[in-house]
C-alpha atoms as a PDB file:
ATOM      1  CA  MET A   1       1.211 -22.069 -15.242  1.00  0.00           C
ATOM      2  CA  SER A   2      -1.145 -24.030 -14.346  1.00  0.00           C
ATOM      3  CA  GLU A   3      -4.612 -21.917 -12.426  1.00  0.00           C
ATOM      4  CA  TYR A   4      -3.494 -23.378  -8.592  1.00  0.00           C
ATOM      5  CA  THR A   5       0.154 -21.715  -9.376  1.00  0.00           C
ATOM      6  CA  ARG A   6      -1.627 -17.536 -10.539  1.00  0.00           C
ATOM      7  CA  HIS A   7      -4.415 -18.628  -7.823  1.00  0.00           C
ATOM      8  CA  ARG A   8      -1.555 -18.801  -4.999  1.00  0.00           C
ATOM      9  CA  ALA A   9       0.531 -15.998  -6.825  1.00  0.00           C
ATOM     10  CA  ILE A  10      -2.317 -13.439  -6.730  1.00  0.00           C
ATOM     11  CA  LEU A  11      -3.023 -14.355  -3.239  1.00  0.00           C
ATOM     12  CA  PHE A  12       1.201 -13.854  -2.097  1.00  0.00           C
ATOM     13  CA  PHE A  13       1.061 -10.489  -3.478  1.00  0.00           C
ATOM     14  CA  LEU A  14      -2.093  -9.133  -2.747  1.00  0.00           C
ATOM     15  CA  SER A  15      -1.059 -10.597   1.191  1.00  0.00           C
ATOM     16  CA  LEU A  16       1.979  -8.297   0.838  1.00  0.00           C
ATOM     17  CA  LEU A  17       0.199  -5.685  -0.740  1.00  0.00           C
ATOM     18  CA  VAL A  18      -2.096  -5.726   2.622  1.00  0.00           C
ATOM     19  CA  ILE A  19       1.548  -6.032   4.156  1.00  0.00           C
ATOM     20  CA  PHE A  20       2.754  -3.307   3.061  1.00  0.00           C
ATOM     21  CA  ASN A  21      -0.071  -0.718   2.928  1.00  0.00           C
ATOM     22  CA  PHE A  22       0.351  -0.835   7.161  1.00  0.00           C
ATOM     23  CA  VAL A  23       3.895  -0.518   7.251  1.00  0.00           C
ATOM     24  CA  ASP A  24       3.596   1.919   4.369  1.00  0.00           C
ATOM     25  CA  ALA A  25       0.395   4.113   6.529  1.00  0.00           C
ATOM     26  CA  MET A  26       1.758   3.320  10.049  1.00  0.00           C
ATOM     27  CA  SER A  27       5.661   5.339   8.893  1.00  0.00           C
ATOM     28  CA  THR A  28       3.417   7.470   7.196  1.00  0.00           C
ATOM     29  CA  MET A  29       1.887   9.283   9.653  1.00  0.00           C
ATOM     30  CA  ILE A  30       5.353   8.992  12.245  1.00  0.00           C
ATOM     31  CA  LEU A  31       7.916  10.578   9.232  1.00  0.00           C
ATOM     32  CA  PHE A  32       4.547  13.169   8.996  1.00  0.00           C
ATOM     33  CA  GLU A  33       4.589  13.882  12.897  1.00  0.00           C
ATOM     34  CA  ARG A  34       7.689  14.569  13.101  1.00  0.00           C
ATOM     35  CA  ASN A  35       7.201  16.938   9.864  1.00  0.00           C
ATOM     36  CA  LEU A  36      10.200  15.047   8.028  1.00  0.00           C
ATOM     37  CA  ILE A  37       7.662  13.993   4.704  1.00  0.00           C
ATOM     38  CA  SER A  38       4.453  15.400   3.815  1.00  0.00           C
ATOM     39  CA  GLU A  39       1.659  13.332   1.803  1.00  0.00           C
ATOM     40  CA  GLY A  40       1.470  13.108  -1.683  1.00  0.00           C
ATOM     41  CA  ASN A  41      -1.464  12.340  -2.232  1.00  0.00           C
ATOM     42  CA  PRO A  42      -4.215  15.559  -2.020  1.00  0.00           C
ATOM     43  CA  ILE A  43      -6.786  13.542   0.008  1.00  0.00           C
ATOM     44  CA  MET A  44      -4.721  11.787   1.794  1.00  0.00           C
ATOM     45  CA  ALA A  45      -2.769  14.875   3.250  1.00  0.00           C
ATOM     46  CA  TYR A  46      -6.184  16.483   3.974  1.00  0.00           C
ATOM     47  CA  LEU A  47      -6.978  13.481   5.783  1.00  0.00           C
ATOM     48  CA  ILE A  48      -3.664  13.066   8.074  1.00  0.00           C
ATOM     49  CA  LYS A  49      -3.840  17.084   8.981  1.00  0.00           C
ATOM     50  CA  GLU A  50      -7.251  16.438  10.125  1.00  0.00           C
ATOM     51  CA  ASP A  51      -7.581  13.273  12.423  1.00  0.00           C
ATOM     52  CA  ALA A  52      -5.158   9.769  12.194  1.00  0.00           C
ATOM     53  CA  PHE A  53      -7.394   7.553  12.485  1.00  0.00           C
ATOM     54  CA  LEU A  54      -9.254   9.329   9.527  1.00  0.00           C
ATOM     55  CA  PHE A  55      -6.344   8.541   7.387  1.00  0.00           C
ATOM     56  CA  MET A  56      -5.609   5.439   9.077  1.00  0.00           C
ATOM     57  CA  LEU A  57      -9.363   4.123   7.548  1.00  0.00           C
ATOM     58  CA  GLY A  58      -9.576   5.788   4.631  1.00  0.00           C
ATOM     59  CA  LYS A  59      -6.058   4.515   3.414  1.00  0.00           C
ATOM     60  CA  LEU A  60      -6.101   1.251   4.952  1.00  0.00           C
ATOM     61  CA  SER A  61     -10.401   1.353   3.030  1.00  0.00           C
ATOM     62  CA  LEU A  62      -9.087   2.296   0.118  1.00  0.00           C
ATOM     63  CA  VAL A  63      -6.318  -0.234  -0.404  1.00  0.00           C
ATOM     64  CA  TYR A  64      -8.169  -3.170   1.015  1.00  0.00           C
ATOM     65  CA  THR A  65     -10.706  -2.158  -1.665  1.00  0.00           C
ATOM     66  CA  GLY A  66      -8.697  -2.539  -4.748  1.00  0.00           C
ATOM     67  CA  VAL A  67      -7.159  -5.887  -2.823  1.00  0.00           C
ATOM     68  CA  GLY A  68     -10.534  -6.734  -3.130  1.00  0.00           C
ATOM     69  CA  ILE A  69     -11.153  -6.250  -6.978  1.00  0.00           C
ATOM     70  CA  LEU A  70      -7.970  -7.590  -8.193  1.00  0.00           C
ATOM     71  CA  TYR A  71      -8.801 -10.802  -6.233  1.00  0.00           C
ATOM     72  CA  ALA A  72     -12.085 -11.019  -8.180  1.00  0.00           C
ATOM     73  CA  THR A  73     -10.515 -10.722 -11.459  1.00  0.00           C
ATOM     74  CA  LYS A  74      -8.562 -13.255 -10.835  1.00  0.00           C
ATOM     75  CA  THR A  75      -8.214 -14.742 -13.752  1.00  0.00           C
ATOM     76  CA  ARG A  76      -6.910 -12.303 -15.572  1.00  0.00           C
ATOM     77  CA  ASP A  77      -3.982 -11.306 -16.091  1.00  0.00           C
ATOM     78  CA  VAL A  78      -4.032  -7.469 -14.406  1.00  0.00           C
ATOM     79  CA  SER A  79      -4.530  -8.996 -11.221  1.00  0.00           C
ATOM     80  CA  LEU A  80      -1.607 -10.651 -11.407  1.00  0.00           C
ATOM     81  CA  TYR A  81       0.654  -8.777 -12.588  1.00  0.00           C
ATOM     82  CA  GLY A  82      -0.997  -5.300 -11.585  1.00  0.00           C
ATOM     83  CA  SER A  83       0.122  -6.576  -8.341  1.00  0.00           C
ATOM     84  CA  ILE A  84       3.489  -7.219  -8.677  1.00  0.00           C
ATOM     85  CA  ALA A  85       3.979  -3.867 -10.290  1.00  0.00           C
ATOM     86  CA  LEU A  86       1.628  -2.359  -6.661  1.00  0.00           C
ATOM     87  CA  CYS A  87       3.644  -4.277  -4.852  1.00  0.00           C
ATOM     88  CA  GLY A  88       6.779  -2.801  -6.666  1.00  0.00           C
ATOM     89  CA  VAL A  89       5.260   0.670  -5.979  1.00  0.00           C
ATOM     90  CA  TYR A  90       4.682   0.331  -2.894  1.00  0.00           C
ATOM     91  CA  LEU A  91       8.482  -1.380  -2.393  1.00  0.00           C
ATOM     92  CA  TYR A  92       9.611   1.864  -3.430  1.00  0.00           C
ATOM     93  CA  ILE A  93       7.750   4.046  -1.061  1.00  0.00           C
ATOM     94  CA  LEU A  94       8.835   2.207   2.254  1.00  0.00           C
ATOM     95  CA  PHE A  95      12.741   2.334   0.756  1.00  0.00           C
ATOM     96  CA  LYS A  96      11.802   6.304   0.602  1.00  0.00           C
ATOM     97  CA  HIS A  97      10.705   6.439   3.976  1.00  0.00           C
ATOM     98  CA  ALA A  98      13.009   3.606   5.699  1.00  0.00           C
ATOM     99  CA  TRP A  99      16.432   5.943   3.683  1.00  0.00           C
ATOM    100  CA  ILE A 100      14.565   8.795   5.411  1.00  0.00           C
ATOM    101  CA  ILE A 101      14.229   7.160   8.541  1.00  0.00           C
ATOM    102  CA  LEU A 102      18.306   5.836   8.337  1.00  0.00           C
ATOM    103  CA  LEU A 103      19.506  10.149   7.511  1.00  0.00           C
ATOM    104  CA  VAL A 104      17.695  11.422  10.505  1.00  0.00           C
END
């Protein structure tokens, strides 16, 4: 894979991560407020119970920091494969959220 193609692939998957993270945060808040799910991350569970703004700020900040680190290390294999794997994890979570929404 050429360096240009690799860079474009990393940007694509990191962009997906940003989008998936935002959709996950919004759907988590909606489903949590309706008592349909609980937050699995203890830190995020505390934040979502305290304030929706703090939850969004914390969730988006953590993931955007991770995306920045992955982009800063874009010349390493872990950046590409890590971003692909994280997109897979987010897809799984988003499918679970969609499944819950469809069942209600």
